Amino acid sequence: MNAAASIVVLVTAAANIGMAVADLFRARFVLATSADVDVPAGWVPLLGVAKGAGGVGLLLWFAGLTLLPALAAAGLVCFFVGADVAHVRARRFGTLAFPSAYLALAVASLCVVVAAP
């Protein structure tokens, strides 16, 4: 486990846990973006739980676990592919950068946790 790998996993986990909190507290910007991409407001807390679980699962990598963090990262990759699809489908290209950045973090974390010994 090198420093760069640790930073990638830590940033991804923190970003997802932070957004999970925003989802669970139904922040205005979250509700507005969700409405823009036709995601029902009732789904927002559930999506927050998924993001939070992914972030916490990634943190287990620091405890020496490998399978659960890899599954968490893979889940986040799938989640943010879906988010990107939702943005493209709704033609909300102005906000596409955000889920795409989270997708890039999830992919990087998946590579790190799978490749790490």
N, C-alpha and C. Protein backbone atom coordinates (compact mmCIF):
# COMPACT_ATOMS: atom_id res chain seq x y z
N MET A 1 0.85 -1.17 0.00
CA MET A 1 0.00 0.00 0.00
C MET A 1 0.89 1.23 0.00
N ASN A 2 0.92 1.95 -1.14
CA ASN A 2 1.74 3.15 -1.19
C ASN A 2 0.90 4.39 -0.93
N ALA A 3 1.57 5.52 -0.80
CA ALA A 3 0.88 6.76 -0.43
C ALA A 3 -0.13 7.20 -1.49
N ALA A 4 0.25 7.11 -2.75
CA ALA A 4 -0.66 7.55 -3.82
C ALA A 4 -1.92 6.69 -3.84
N ALA A 5 -1.76 5.40 -3.69
CA ALA A 5 -2.92 4.50 -3.66
C ALA A 5 -3.82 4.82 -2.47
N SER A 6 -3.20 5.06 -1.35
CA SER A 6 -3.96 5.39 -0.14
C SER A 6 -4.74 6.68 -0.33
N ILE A 7 -4.13 7.67 -0.96
CA ILE A 7 -4.80 8.95 -1.18
C ILE A 7 -5.99 8.78 -2.11
N VAL A 8 -5.82 8.00 -3.17
CA VAL A 8 -6.92 7.76 -4.12
C VAL A 8 -8.11 7.14 -3.40
N VAL A 9 -7.86 6.10 -2.63
CA VAL A 9 -8.94 5.42 -1.93
C VAL A 9 -9.57 6.33 -0.88
N LEU A 10 -8.75 7.05 -0.14
CA LEU A 10 -9.26 7.94 0.90
C LEU A 10 -10.10 9.07 0.31
N VAL A 11 -9.64 9.68 -0.77
CA VAL A 11 -10.40 10.77 -1.41
C VAL A 11 -11.73 10.25 -1.95
N THR A 12 -11.69 9.09 -2.58
CA THR A 12 -12.93 8.51 -3.11
C THR A 12 -13.91 8.22 -1.99
N ALA A 13 -13.43 7.61 -0.92
CA ALA A 13 -14.31 7.30 0.21
C ALA A 13 -14.88 8.57 0.82
N ALA A 14 -14.03 9.56 1.05
CA ALA A 14 -14.49 10.81 1.67
C ALA A 14 -15.50 11.53 0.78
N ALA A 15 -15.24 11.57 -0.52
CA ALA A 15 -16.15 12.25 -1.44
C ALA A 15 -17.52 11.57 -1.44
N ASN A 16 -17.53 10.25 -1.44
CA ASN A 16 -18.80 9.54 -1.47
C ASN A 16 -19.54 9.62 -0.15
N ILE A 17 -18.82 9.55 0.94
CA ILE A 17 -19.47 9.68 2.25
C ILE A 17 -20.02 11.10 2.41
N GLY A 18 -19.27 12.09 1.95
CA GLY A 18 -19.75 13.47 2.01
C GLY A 18 -21.02 13.68 1.20
N MET A 19 -21.05 13.11 0.00
CA MET A 19 -22.27 13.23 -0.83
C MET A 19 -23.41 12.43 -0.24
N ALA A 20 -23.09 11.32 0.41
CA ALA A 20 -24.14 10.53 1.06
C ALA A 20 -24.82 11.35 2.15
N VAL A 21 -24.02 12.09 2.90
CA VAL A 21 -24.59 12.95 3.95
C VAL A 21 -25.50 14.00 3.31
N ALA A 22 -25.04 14.61 2.21
CA ALA A 22 -25.87 15.61 1.52
C ALA A 22 -27.17 14.98 1.02
N ASP A 23 -27.08 13.76 0.52
CA ASP A 23 -28.29 13.07 0.05
C ASP A 23 -29.23 12.77 1.22
N LEU A 24 -28.68 12.25 2.30
CA LEU A 24 -29.51 11.88 3.44
C LEU A 24 -30.19 13.09 4.08
N PHE A 25 -29.50 14.24 4.04
CA PHE A 25 -30.10 15.46 4.59
C PHE A 25 -30.88 16.24 3.53
N ARG A 26 -30.98 15.65 2.33
CA ARG A 26 -31.76 16.21 1.23
C ARG A 26 -31.37 17.67 0.94
N ALA A 27 -30.09 17.88 0.73
CA ALA A 27 -29.59 19.22 0.42
C ALA A 27 -30.28 19.76 -0.83
N ARG A 28 -30.48 21.06 -0.87
CA ARG A 28 -31.20 21.68 -1.99
C ARG A 28 -30.55 21.38 -3.33
N PHE A 29 -29.22 21.48 -3.40
CA PHE A 29 -28.55 21.26 -4.67
C PHE A 29 -28.72 19.81 -5.14
N VAL A 30 -28.79 18.88 -4.20
CA VAL A 30 -29.00 17.47 -4.55
C VAL A 30 -30.40 17.29 -5.11
N LEU A 31 -31.39 17.85 -4.45
CA LEU A 31 -32.76 17.72 -4.92
C LEU A 31 -32.96 18.39 -6.26
N ALA A 32 -32.33 19.55 -6.45
CA ALA A 32 -32.45 20.26 -7.73
C ALA A 32 -31.82 19.46 -8.86
N THR A 33 -30.63 18.93 -8.63
CA THR A 33 -29.96 18.15 -9.67
C THR A 33 -30.73 16.87 -9.96
N SER A 34 -31.21 16.23 -8.93
CA SER A 34 -31.99 15.00 -9.11
C SER A 34 -33.25 15.28 -9.93
N ALA A 35 -33.92 16.37 -9.64
CA ALA A 35 -35.12 16.73 -10.40
C ALA A 35 -34.77 17.02 -11.85
N ASP A 36 -33.63 17.67 -12.08
CA ASP A 36 -33.20 17.98 -13.45
C ASP A 36 -32.96 16.74 -14.29
N VAL A 37 -32.54 15.65 -13.65
CA VAL A 37 -32.26 14.41 -14.41
C VAL A 37 -33.36 13.37 -14.20
N ASP A 38 -34.52 13.82 -13.75
CA ASP A 38 -35.72 12.99 -13.61
C ASP A 38 -35.57 11.84 -12.62
N VAL A 39 -34.82 12.08 -11.56
CA VAL A 39 -34.73 11.11 -10.46
C VAL A 39 -35.72 11.55 -9.39
N PRO A 40 -36.66 10.71 -9.02
CA PRO A 40 -37.64 11.09 -8.00
C PRO A 40 -36.97 11.46 -6.67
N ALA A 41 -37.51 12.47 -6.02
CA ALA A 41 -36.94 12.93 -4.75
C ALA A 41 -36.93 11.83 -3.70
N GLY A 42 -37.86 10.91 -3.77
CA GLY A 42 -37.91 9.81 -2.81
C GLY A 42 -36.74 8.85 -2.93
N TRP A 43 -36.08 8.85 -4.08
CA TRP A 43 -34.93 7.98 -4.27
C TRP A 43 -33.66 8.54 -3.66
N VAL A 44 -33.62 9.84 -3.43
CA VAL A 44 -32.38 10.50 -3.00
C VAL A 44 -31.79 9.87 -1.73
N PRO A 45 -32.57 9.65 -0.68
CA PRO A 45 -31.97 9.02 0.51
C PRO A 45 -31.42 7.62 0.23
N LEU A 46 -32.12 6.85 -0.60
CA LEU A 46 -31.64 5.51 -0.93
C LEU A 46 -30.33 5.56 -1.71
N LEU A 47 -30.24 6.51 -2.62
CA LEU A 47 -28.99 6.69 -3.37
C LEU A 47 -27.87 7.13 -2.43
N GLY A 48 -28.22 7.92 -1.43
CA GLY A 48 -27.24 8.33 -0.43
C GLY A 48 -26.72 7.15 0.37
N VAL A 49 -27.61 6.24 0.70
CA VAL A 49 -27.18 5.03 1.43
C VAL A 49 -26.22 4.23 0.57
N ALA A 50 -26.51 4.12 -0.73
CA ALA A 50 -25.62 3.38 -1.63
C ALA A 50 -24.24 4.03 -1.70
N LYS A 51 -24.21 5.35 -1.83
CA LYS A 51 -22.92 6.06 -1.87
C LYS A 51 -22.17 5.90 -0.56
N GLY A 52 -22.88 6.04 0.54
CA GLY A 52 -22.25 5.89 1.85
C GLY A 52 -21.70 4.50 2.07
N ALA A 53 -22.46 3.49 1.66
CA ALA A 53 -21.98 2.11 1.80
C ALA A 53 -20.74 1.89 0.95
N GLY A 54 -20.71 2.46 -0.25
CA GLY A 54 -19.52 2.35 -1.09
C GLY A 54 -18.32 3.01 -0.46
N GLY A 55 -18.53 4.19 0.11
CA GLY A 55 -17.43 4.89 0.76
C GLY A 55 -16.89 4.15 1.98
N VAL A 56 -17.79 3.66 2.81
CA VAL A 56 -17.37 2.90 3.99
C VAL A 56 -16.70 1.59 3.57
N GLY A 57 -17.24 0.95 2.55
CA GLY A 57 -16.62 -0.28 2.05
C GLY A 57 -15.20 -0.05 1.57
N LEU A 58 -14.97 1.07 0.93
CA LEU A 58 -13.60 1.40 0.50
C LEU A 58 -12.65 1.57 1.69
N LEU A 59 -13.15 2.15 2.76
CA LEU A 59 -12.30 2.36 3.93
C LEU A 59 -11.83 1.04 4.54
N LEU A 60 -12.55 -0.03 4.29
CA LEU A 60 -12.13 -1.34 4.82
C LEU A 60 -10.81 -1.81 4.21
N TRP A 61 -10.43 -1.21 3.10
CA TRP A 61 -9.14 -1.52 2.47
C TRP A 61 -7.99 -1.20 3.43
N PHE A 62 -8.17 -0.16 4.22
CA PHE A 62 -7.13 0.23 5.18
C PHE A 62 -7.01 -0.76 6.33
N ALA A 63 -8.03 -1.60 6.49
CA ALA A 63 -7.99 -2.65 7.52
C ALA A 63 -7.41 -3.94 6.96
N GLY A 64 -6.94 -3.88 5.73
CA GLY A 64 -6.31 -5.05 5.13
C GLY A 64 -7.25 -5.96 4.37
N LEU A 65 -8.53 -5.59 4.30
CA LEU A 65 -9.48 -6.40 3.54
C LEU A 65 -9.32 -6.10 2.05
N THR A 66 -9.65 -7.06 1.22
CA THR A 66 -9.53 -6.84 -0.23
C THR A 66 -10.84 -7.03 -0.97
N LEU A 67 -11.60 -8.07 -0.64
CA LEU A 67 -12.81 -8.37 -1.40
C LEU A 67 -13.88 -7.30 -1.22
N LEU A 68 -14.20 -6.94 0.02
CA LEU A 68 -15.25 -5.95 0.25
C LEU A 68 -14.92 -4.58 -0.36
N PRO A 69 -13.71 -4.08 -0.21
CA PRO A 69 -13.39 -2.82 -0.88
C PRO A 69 -13.48 -2.91 -2.40
N ALA A 70 -13.08 -4.04 -2.97
CA ALA A 70 -13.19 -4.21 -4.42
C ALA A 70 -14.65 -4.21 -4.85
N LEU A 71 -15.49 -4.88 -4.09
CA LEU A 71 -16.93 -4.88 -4.39
C LEU A 71 -17.53 -3.50 -4.22
N ALA A 72 -17.10 -2.78 -3.19
CA ALA A 72 -17.59 -1.42 -2.97
C ALA A 72 -17.19 -0.51 -4.13
N ALA A 73 -15.94 -0.61 -4.57
CA ALA A 73 -15.48 0.21 -5.69
C ALA A 73 -16.23 -0.15 -6.96
N ALA A 74 -16.44 -1.44 -7.20
CA ALA A 74 -17.18 -1.87 -8.39
C ALA A 74 -18.63 -1.37 -8.33
N GLY A 75 -19.20 -1.40 -7.15
CA GLY A 75 -20.55 -0.87 -6.99
C GLY A 75 -20.62 0.62 -7.28
N LEU A 76 -19.62 1.36 -6.81
CA LEU A 76 -19.58 2.80 -7.10
C LEU A 76 -19.39 3.06 -8.58
N VAL A 77 -18.57 2.25 -9.25
CA VAL A 77 -18.41 2.40 -10.70
C VAL A 77 -19.76 2.24 -11.38
N CYS A 78 -20.48 1.19 -11.04
CA CYS A 78 -21.80 0.96 -11.64
C CYS A 78 -22.76 2.10 -11.31
N PHE A 79 -22.73 2.55 -10.08
CA PHE A 79 -23.60 3.64 -9.65
C PHE A 79 -23.36 4.88 -10.50
N PHE A 80 -22.10 5.26 -10.68
CA PHE A 80 -21.81 6.50 -11.39
C PHE A 80 -21.90 6.36 -12.90
N VAL A 81 -21.78 5.16 -13.42
CA VAL A 81 -22.12 4.95 -14.84
C VAL A 81 -23.61 5.26 -15.01
N GLY A 82 -24.41 4.75 -14.10
CA GLY A 82 -25.85 5.04 -14.14
C GLY A 82 -26.14 6.52 -13.99
N ALA A 83 -25.42 7.20 -13.12
CA ALA A 83 -25.61 8.64 -12.95
C ALA A 83 -25.25 9.39 -14.23
N ASP A 84 -24.15 8.99 -14.86
CA ASP A 84 -23.77 9.62 -16.13
C ASP A 84 -24.84 9.39 -17.19
N VAL A 85 -25.37 8.19 -17.25
CA VAL A 85 -26.42 7.87 -18.22
C VAL A 85 -27.65 8.74 -17.95
N ALA A 86 -28.00 8.91 -16.68
CA ALA A 86 -29.16 9.74 -16.33
C ALA A 86 -28.95 11.18 -16.79
N HIS A 87 -27.75 11.70 -16.61
CA HIS A 87 -27.46 13.08 -17.03
C HIS A 87 -27.51 13.23 -18.54
N VAL A 88 -26.94 12.25 -19.24
CA VAL A 88 -26.95 12.30 -20.71
C VAL A 88 -28.37 12.15 -21.24
N ARG A 89 -29.10 11.21 -20.68
CA ARG A 89 -30.48 10.98 -21.11
C ARG A 89 -31.33 12.22 -20.93
N ALA A 90 -31.11 12.95 -19.84
CA ALA A 90 -31.86 14.18 -19.57
C ALA A 90 -31.26 15.39 -20.28
N ARG A 91 -30.16 15.17 -21.00
CA ARG A 91 -29.46 16.25 -21.71
C ARG A 91 -29.01 17.36 -20.78
N ARG A 92 -28.55 16.98 -19.61
CA ARG A 92 -28.02 17.93 -18.62
C ARG A 92 -26.50 17.86 -18.64
N PHE A 93 -25.93 18.30 -19.74
CA PHE A 93 -24.48 18.18 -19.94
C PHE A 93 -23.71 19.13 -19.03
N GLY A 94 -24.34 20.20 -18.57
CA GLY A 94 -23.68 21.15 -17.68
C GLY A 94 -23.36 20.57 -16.32
N THR A 95 -24.09 19.56 -15.90
CA THR A 95 -23.84 18.95 -14.60
C THR A 95 -23.22 17.56 -14.73
N LEU A 96 -22.90 17.15 -15.94
CA LEU A 96 -22.33 15.83 -16.18
C LEU A 96 -20.92 15.67 -15.59
N ALA A 97 -20.21 16.77 -15.44
CA ALA A 97 -18.84 16.70 -14.92
C ALA A 97 -18.79 16.14 -13.50
N PHE A 98 -19.80 16.39 -12.71
CA PHE A 98 -19.77 15.94 -11.32
C PHE A 98 -19.86 14.42 -11.19
N PRO A 99 -20.88 13.78 -11.76
CA PRO A 99 -20.87 12.32 -11.65
C PRO A 99 -19.71 11.68 -12.41
N SER A 100 -19.24 12.35 -13.45
CA SER A 100 -18.09 11.82 -14.20
C SER A 100 -16.82 11.86 -13.35
N ALA A 101 -16.67 12.90 -12.55
CA ALA A 101 -15.51 12.97 -11.66
C ALA A 101 -15.58 11.87 -10.60
N TYR A 102 -16.78 11.66 -10.06
CA TYR A 102 -16.95 10.58 -9.08
C TYR A 102 -16.71 9.22 -9.73
N LEU A 103 -17.12 9.07 -10.99
CA LEU A 103 -16.87 7.83 -11.72
C LEU A 103 -15.37 7.61 -11.88
N ALA A 104 -14.64 8.66 -12.23
CA ALA A 104 -13.18 8.54 -12.38
C ALA A 104 -12.53 8.13 -11.06
N LEU A 105 -12.98 8.71 -9.96
CA LEU A 105 -12.46 8.33 -8.65
C LEU A 105 -12.77 6.87 -8.34
N ALA A 106 -13.98 6.44 -8.65
CA ALA A 106 -14.37 5.06 -8.38
C ALA A 106 -13.55 4.08 -9.22
N VAL A 107 -13.33 4.42 -10.48
CA VAL A 107 -12.51 3.55 -11.35
C VAL A 107 -11.09 3.49 -10.82
N ALA A 108 -10.54 4.63 -10.45
CA ALA A 108 -9.18 4.65 -9.91
C ALA A 108 -9.08 3.82 -8.64
N SER A 109 -10.07 3.94 -7.77
CA SER A 109 -10.07 3.16 -6.53
C SER A 109 -10.21 1.67 -6.81
N LEU A 110 -11.03 1.31 -7.78
CA LEU A 110 -11.17 -0.08 -8.14
C LEU A 110 -9.84 -0.64 -8.63
N CYS A 111 -9.14 0.13 -9.45
CA CYS A 111 -7.83 -0.30 -9.92
C CYS A 111 -6.85 -0.48 -8.77
N VAL A 112 -6.88 0.45 -7.83
CA VAL A 112 -5.97 0.39 -6.69
C VAL A 112 -6.25 -0.82 -5.81
N VAL A 113 -7.50 -1.02 -5.45
CA VAL A 113 -7.79 -2.11 -4.50
C VAL A 113 -7.65 -3.48 -5.15
N VAL A 114 -7.83 -3.57 -6.45
CA VAL A 114 -7.66 -4.85 -7.12
C VAL A 114 -6.17 -5.15 -7.35
N ALA A 115 -5.41 -4.10 -7.67
CA ALA A 115 -3.99 -4.29 -7.99
C ALA A 115 -3.10 -4.39 -6.76
N ALA A 116 -3.55 -3.87 -5.64
CA ALA A 116 -2.71 -3.86 -4.43
C ALA A 116 -2.55 -5.28 -3.90
N PRO A 117 -1.37 -5.60 -3.45
CA PRO A 117 -1.14 -6.95 -2.89
C PRO A 117 -1.84 -7.16 -1.57
